[in-house]
Protein backbone atom coordinates (compact mmCIF):
# COMPACT_ATOMS: atom_id res chain seq x y z
CA MET A 1 121.80 79.43 125.58
CA THR A 2 118.78 78.71 126.84
CA SER A 3 117.86 82.77 127.17
CA PHE A 4 118.76 82.90 123.58
CA LEU A 5 116.44 79.51 123.12
CA GLN A 6 113.49 82.10 124.97
CA LEU A 7 114.37 84.77 122.46
CA ASN A 8 114.14 83.08 119.12
CA THR A 9 110.97 81.75 120.59
CA ILE A 10 109.22 84.59 121.41
CA PHE A 11 110.46 85.79 118.43
CA ILE A 12 108.93 83.37 115.95
CA SER A 13 105.95 83.10 117.75
CA MET A 14 105.09 87.11 117.42
CA ILE A 15 106.26 86.85 113.60
CA MET A 16 103.96 83.71 112.67
CA GLU A 17 101.10 85.19 114.68
CA ALA A 18 101.66 89.24 112.54
CA ILE A 19 102.55 87.97 109.01
CA PRO A 20 98.61 86.64 107.58
CA PHE A 21 97.31 90.06 108.59
CA VAL A 22 99.84 91.73 106.95
CA LEU A 23 99.36 89.87 103.83
CA ILE A 24 95.61 90.75 104.45
CA GLY A 25 96.88 94.06 104.75
CA VAL A 26 99.10 94.98 101.89
CA LEU A 27 96.77 92.72 99.27
CA VAL A 28 93.73 95.14 100.25
CA SER A 29 95.94 98.32 100.29
CA GLY A 30 96.85 97.65 96.60
CA VAL A 31 93.37 97.39 95.65
CA ILE A 32 92.53 100.54 97.26
CA GLN A 33 95.63 102.24 95.50
CA THR A 34 94.64 100.95 92.34
CA PHE A 35 90.69 101.33 92.35
CA VAL A 36 89.77 104.29 94.60
CA THR A 37 90.78 108.06 93.77
CA GLU A 38 91.51 110.80 95.73
CA ALA A 39 88.95 112.84 93.56
CA TRP A 40 86.27 111.07 94.80
CA ILE A 41 87.11 111.46 98.24
CA ALA A 42 87.30 115.42 98.17
CA ARG A 43 83.98 115.49 96.25
CA ILE A 44 82.39 114.32 99.60
CA MET A 45 84.05 116.26 101.73
CA PRO A 46 81.44 118.37 104.28
CA ARG A 47 82.38 121.70 105.20
CA ASN A 48 81.69 122.12 108.66
CA VAL A 49 84.57 121.73 110.70
CA LEU A 50 83.34 119.31 113.31
CA LEU A 51 81.50 117.25 110.17
CA ARG A 52 84.36 116.70 107.97
CA THR A 53 86.80 116.34 111.00
CA CYS A 54 84.50 113.29 111.98
CA PHE A 55 84.41 112.30 108.12
CA GLY A 56 88.04 111.87 108.39
CA CYS A 57 88.42 109.82 111.38
CA GLY A 58 85.41 107.83 109.57
CA ILE A 59 87.32 106.87 106.19
CA GLY A 60 90.04 105.66 107.23
CA LEU A 61 87.46 101.96 107.38
CA LEU A 62 87.91 102.73 103.24
CA PHE A 63 91.76 102.92 103.33
CA PRO A 64 92.95 99.77 105.27
CA SER A 65 96.55 100.56 105.16
CA CYS A 66 99.12 101.12 107.77
CA GLU A 67 100.97 103.89 108.27
CA CYS A 68 103.53 102.93 105.75
CA GLY A 69 101.85 104.31 103.09
CA ILE A 70 99.14 106.64 105.05
CA VAL A 71 101.22 110.32 104.59
CA PRO A 72 101.29 109.94 100.79
CA ILE A 73 97.65 109.33 100.43
CA THR A 74 97.12 112.15 102.54
CA ARG A 75 99.22 114.67 101.17
CA ARG A 76 97.15 114.11 97.99
CA LEU A 77 93.87 114.19 98.91
CA VAL A 78 95.10 117.46 100.21
CA MET A 79 95.97 118.53 97.32
CA LYS A 80 92.80 117.30 95.55
CA GLY A 81 91.15 119.80 97.84
CA MET A 82 90.83 118.07 101.49
CA PRO A 83 90.88 120.13 104.09
CA LEU A 84 93.93 120.57 105.73
CA ASN A 85 92.17 119.45 109.94
CA ALA A 86 89.77 116.60 107.82
CA GLY A 87 93.47 115.27 106.33
CA VAL A 88 95.13 115.02 109.54
CA ALA A 89 92.25 112.75 111.02
CA PHE A 90 92.54 110.31 108.45
CA MET A 91 96.04 110.67 108.59
CA LEU A 92 95.76 109.58 112.00
CA SER A 93 92.84 106.94 113.26
CA GLY A 94 93.64 105.86 108.71
CA PRO A 95 96.19 102.71 110.07
CA ILE A 96 94.15 102.16 113.35
CA VAL A 97 90.02 101.96 112.83
CA ASN A 98 90.34 99.44 109.94
CA PRO A 99 89.36 96.28 109.81
CA ILE A 100 92.00 94.23 109.71
CA VAL A 101 94.07 96.23 112.24
CA LEU A 102 90.94 95.07 114.61
CA PHE A 103 90.24 92.03 113.60
CA ALA A 104 94.68 91.43 114.24
CA THR A 105 94.19 93.41 117.96
CA PHE A 106 91.13 90.92 118.47
CA ILE A 107 93.39 87.77 117.85
CA ALA A 108 96.81 88.92 119.90
CA PHE A 109 94.49 89.84 122.64
CA GLY A 110 93.08 86.48 123.18
CA ASN A 111 89.94 87.59 121.35
CA ASP A 112 89.13 89.93 123.97
CA TRP A 113 86.47 92.69 122.29
CA ARG A 114 87.37 95.13 125.23
CA MET A 115 90.74 96.20 124.04
CA VAL A 116 89.62 96.31 120.51
CA GLY A 117 87.08 98.96 121.37
CA ILE A 118 89.95 100.60 123.56
CA ARG A 119 91.84 100.78 121.10
CA ALA A 120 89.59 101.96 118.63
CA GLY A 121 88.21 104.94 120.56
CA LEU A 122 91.06 106.21 121.97
CA ALA A 123 92.73 106.29 117.97
CA ILE A 124 89.53 108.48 117.00
CA ALA A 125 89.33 110.59 120.31
CA VAL A 126 92.98 111.61 119.81
CA ALA A 127 92.53 111.41 115.79
CA PHE A 128 89.55 113.83 116.83
CA CYS A 129 90.80 116.55 118.82
CA VAL A 130 93.76 116.28 117.26
CA SER A 131 92.29 117.95 114.21
CA LEU A 132 90.63 120.20 115.96
CA SER A 133 93.64 121.78 117.56
CA VAL A 134 95.42 121.89 113.55
CA ALA A 135 92.12 123.38 112.37
CA LEU A 136 92.55 126.28 115.41
CA ILE A 137 96.26 126.41 114.99
CA PHE A 138 96.97 126.15 111.42
CA ARG A 139 95.47 128.31 108.79
CA GLY A 140 97.61 128.58 106.23
CA PRO A 141 98.39 125.48 103.84
CA GLN A 142 101.27 123.47 105.51
CA LEU A 143 102.47 121.43 102.17
CA ARG A 144 106.24 122.61 101.74
CA GLN A 145 106.34 125.07 99.05
CA ALA A 146 108.70 122.98 96.50
CA THR A 147 105.51 120.58 96.24
CA ALA A 148 103.16 123.36 95.89
CA THR A 149 105.24 124.59 92.96
CA ALA A 150 105.64 121.90 91.01
CA ASP A 151 102.40 120.74 91.43
CA ALA A 152 101.12 123.58 90.53
CA PHE A 153 103.56 124.24 87.66
CA ALA A 154 102.22 120.87 86.51
CA ALA A 155 98.83 121.00 87.34
CA PRO A 156 97.60 122.98 83.33
CA VAL A 157 99.84 120.55 81.79
CA ALA A 158 98.10 117.41 83.29
CA ALA A 159 94.40 118.94 82.90
CA ALA A 160 95.65 119.23 78.70
CA LEU A 161 96.83 116.07 78.26
CA GLU A 162 94.52 114.43 80.59
CA PRO A 163 91.81 113.36 77.67
CA SER A 164 94.26 112.14 75.28
CA ILE A 165 96.85 109.55 77.65
CA ALA A 166 93.35 108.69 79.15
CA ALA A 167 91.87 108.18 75.54
CA ALA A 168 94.94 105.97 74.57
CA ALA A 169 96.12 104.36 77.32
CA LYS A 170 92.77 103.01 79.54
CA PRO A 171 94.31 100.14 82.02
CA THR A 172 93.17 97.38 81.36
CA VAL A 173 91.88 95.23 84.57
CA GLY A 174 94.43 92.47 83.62
CA ALA A 175 97.28 95.84 84.19
CA ARG A 176 95.12 96.70 87.40
CA LEU A 177 94.81 93.56 88.62
CA SER A 178 98.88 93.59 88.02
CA SER A 179 98.98 96.57 89.83
CA VAL A 180 97.57 95.88 92.75
CA VAL A 181 100.10 92.80 93.48
CA SER A 182 102.76 94.87 92.69
CA HIS A 183 101.62 97.37 94.55
CA GLY A 184 101.29 94.55 97.62
CA ILE A 185 104.27 93.22 97.03
CA ASP A 186 106.25 96.88 97.39
CA GLU A 187 104.10 96.90 100.63
CA PHE A 188 105.08 94.24 102.29
CA PHE A 189 108.50 94.13 101.70
CA ASP A 190 108.70 97.63 102.95
CA VAL A 191 106.36 96.85 106.05
CA GLY A 192 108.27 93.62 106.81
CA LYS A 193 111.59 94.70 107.63
CA TYR A 194 109.64 97.00 110.28
CA LEU A 195 107.87 93.64 111.99
CA VAL A 196 111.22 91.96 112.06
CA ILE A 197 113.01 94.57 113.74
CA GLY A 198 110.34 95.17 116.23
CA ALA A 199 109.11 91.42 116.82
CA PHE A 200 112.96 91.35 118.00
CA LEU A 201 113.51 94.64 119.95
CA ALA A 202 110.27 93.25 121.63
CA ALA A 203 111.94 89.48 122.04
CA ALA A 204 114.83 90.84 123.14
CA MET A 205 113.45 93.07 125.99
CA GLN A 206 111.20 90.44 127.41
CA THR A 207 114.32 88.03 127.78
CA TYR A 208 117.01 89.99 128.59
CA ILE A 209 115.54 92.62 130.63
CA PRO A 210 114.74 91.66 134.29
CA THR A 211 110.93 91.33 134.45
CA SER A 212 110.48 92.67 138.45
CA TYR A 213 112.35 96.09 136.51
CA LEU A 214 109.49 95.79 133.61
CA LEU A 215 106.89 95.37 136.99
CA GLU A 216 108.29 98.84 138.18
CA LEU A 217 108.29 100.58 135.24
CA GLY A 218 104.72 99.47 134.73
CA SER A 219 103.31 99.99 138.05
CA ASP A 220 103.11 103.92 137.25
CA PRO A 221 100.21 104.85 134.87
CA LEU A 222 102.28 108.36 134.01
CA LYS A 223 105.56 106.74 132.99
CA ALA A 224 104.08 102.87 131.48
CA SER A 225 102.17 105.06 129.31
CA LEU A 226 105.73 107.41 127.89
CA VAL A 227 107.87 104.44 127.90
CA MET A 228 105.56 102.39 125.89
CA ILE A 229 104.87 105.72 123.97
CA VAL A 230 109.22 105.82 123.47
CA LEU A 231 108.75 101.99 122.80
CA ALA A 232 106.21 102.71 119.56
CA PHE A 233 108.28 104.98 118.38
CA VAL A 234 111.26 103.55 118.23
CA MET A 235 110.20 100.14 117.28
CA SER A 236 108.06 101.49 114.45
CA VAL A 237 105.81 98.46 114.29
CA CYS A 238 103.28 98.12 111.49
CA SER A 239 99.28 98.64 112.67
CA GLU A 240 98.70 95.24 111.45
CA ALA A 241 100.75 93.59 113.78
CA ASP A 242 101.67 96.31 116.50
CA ALA A 243 99.39 94.50 118.88
CA PHE A 244 100.51 91.06 118.63
CA ILE A 245 104.20 93.10 120.27
CA ALA A 246 101.34 95.11 122.67
CA SER A 247 100.04 91.60 123.62
CA SER A 248 103.26 90.60 124.86
CA PHE A 249 103.98 93.09 127.59
CA ARG A 250 100.23 92.43 129.07
CA SER A 251 101.97 90.69 132.13
CA SER A 252 104.28 94.21 133.11
CA PHE A 253 102.11 96.86 131.69
CA THR A 254 98.74 98.36 132.33
CA VAL A 255 96.27 98.63 130.01
CA GLY A 256 96.21 101.98 129.49
CA SER A 257 100.09 101.89 128.78
CA LEU A 258 99.21 99.68 126.13
CA SER A 259 96.92 101.21 124.31
CA ALA A 260 99.00 104.31 124.73
CA PHE A 261 101.49 101.76 122.50
CA MET A 262 99.00 100.80 119.72
CA VAL A 263 97.50 104.40 119.56
CA PHE A 264 100.83 106.54 119.48
CA GLY A 265 102.88 104.07 117.44
CA PRO A 266 100.86 104.27 114.16
CA MET A 267 99.94 107.60 114.52
CA ILE A 268 104.00 108.70 114.92
CA ASP A 269 106.96 106.69 114.23
CA ILE A 270 110.23 107.10 112.98
CA LYS A 271 109.95 106.15 109.47
CA ASN A 272 106.58 107.71 109.71
CA THR A 273 108.34 111.27 110.84
CA LEU A 274 110.48 111.23 107.97
CA MET A 275 107.69 110.83 105.47
CA LEU A 276 105.81 113.44 107.79
CA LEU A 277 108.76 115.68 107.34
CA SER A 278 108.95 115.07 103.72
CA ALA A 279 106.20 116.24 102.79
CA PHE A 280 104.84 118.91 105.57
CA ARG A 281 106.63 122.11 107.05
CA THR A 282 108.71 121.44 110.09
CA ARG A 283 106.86 123.30 112.32
CA PHE A 284 103.67 121.73 111.64
CA VAL A 285 105.39 118.06 112.07
CA VAL A 286 106.45 118.98 114.90
CA SER A 287 103.31 120.89 116.58
CA LEU A 288 101.07 117.51 114.98
CA ILE A 289 103.99 114.98 117.10
CA ALA A 290 103.44 116.88 120.77
CA LEU A 291 100.29 117.06 120.26
CA VAL A 292 99.56 113.52 119.65
CA ALA A 293 101.92 112.70 122.06
CA ALA A 294 99.72 114.79 124.41
CA PHE A 295 96.56 113.95 123.88
CA THR A 296 97.61 109.99 123.49
CA ILE A 297 99.46 110.49 127.39
CA ALA A 298 96.27 112.12 128.67
CA GLY A 299 93.65 109.23 126.72
CA SER A 300 95.86 106.32 128.49
CA LEU A 301 95.40 107.46 131.60
CA ILE A 302 91.50 107.81 131.34
CA VAL A 303 91.95 104.43 129.94
CA GLY A 304 93.36 102.98 132.95
CA ARG A 305 91.09 104.96 135.21
CA LEU A 306 88.26 103.19 133.66
CA PHE A 307 89.39 99.88 132.73
CA GLY A 308 92.29 99.63 135.52
């Protein structure tokens, strides 16, 4: 009975801390979804590989959305003409470097700006390295052929109908605000279930797994990073809430392994992998996951060396 009460206390505290940030995140995501067009982003894309990689890492600041909605946005950007490596940089960094996630990390770790800097720096470094690797390895388009064919077929029709549709049914401000709210509600319930599952698993681990075992895992940097990466993948917690779960492991795991959890999870998790497989070719997805895992582990080991 005592252990159940402990689990319940940890679980509720995680949920209560994370919910406000999830609410803010889904509402801002709705605003971006409704008012910002992918075509505008595509028009300002640099031609140089290094510059567009940096650009891809940076525009995540304009899209404060968690990883739950980043794959569809990235697919649309690539279809609009964004180079694949820039799209990958945006897809990997966007769920982490946006202000809402960074502020949530600041609160979760007791107003510690160091952890915010570590998380943002490692995320940008991993996204940058993976993006450049993608540019070197993959030359052709990697979207699934069925999607590309359907869009190629639909493009002339859409171009012909676009002026008449715009003239006949330009959305009003009220309709757009309604779309923001509707999108926010849908995303909140979609994200919420993963938050609840992740918080419950984290609370159960802390309650029922002996502290000595966790300390043993956390004492070895490589093993600790691998364990936290697997946890991040399995839990599939929203990036606006995962810092609260990571902070609950501070007494058992190293700074490097905690940073691995907060970087790998928003980039690659169960739900994200399924969405990637639906949008991109399987070989590309497998290679992407391997690259993210390798660079995250390497980065977390460097973080562990520098920050202890």
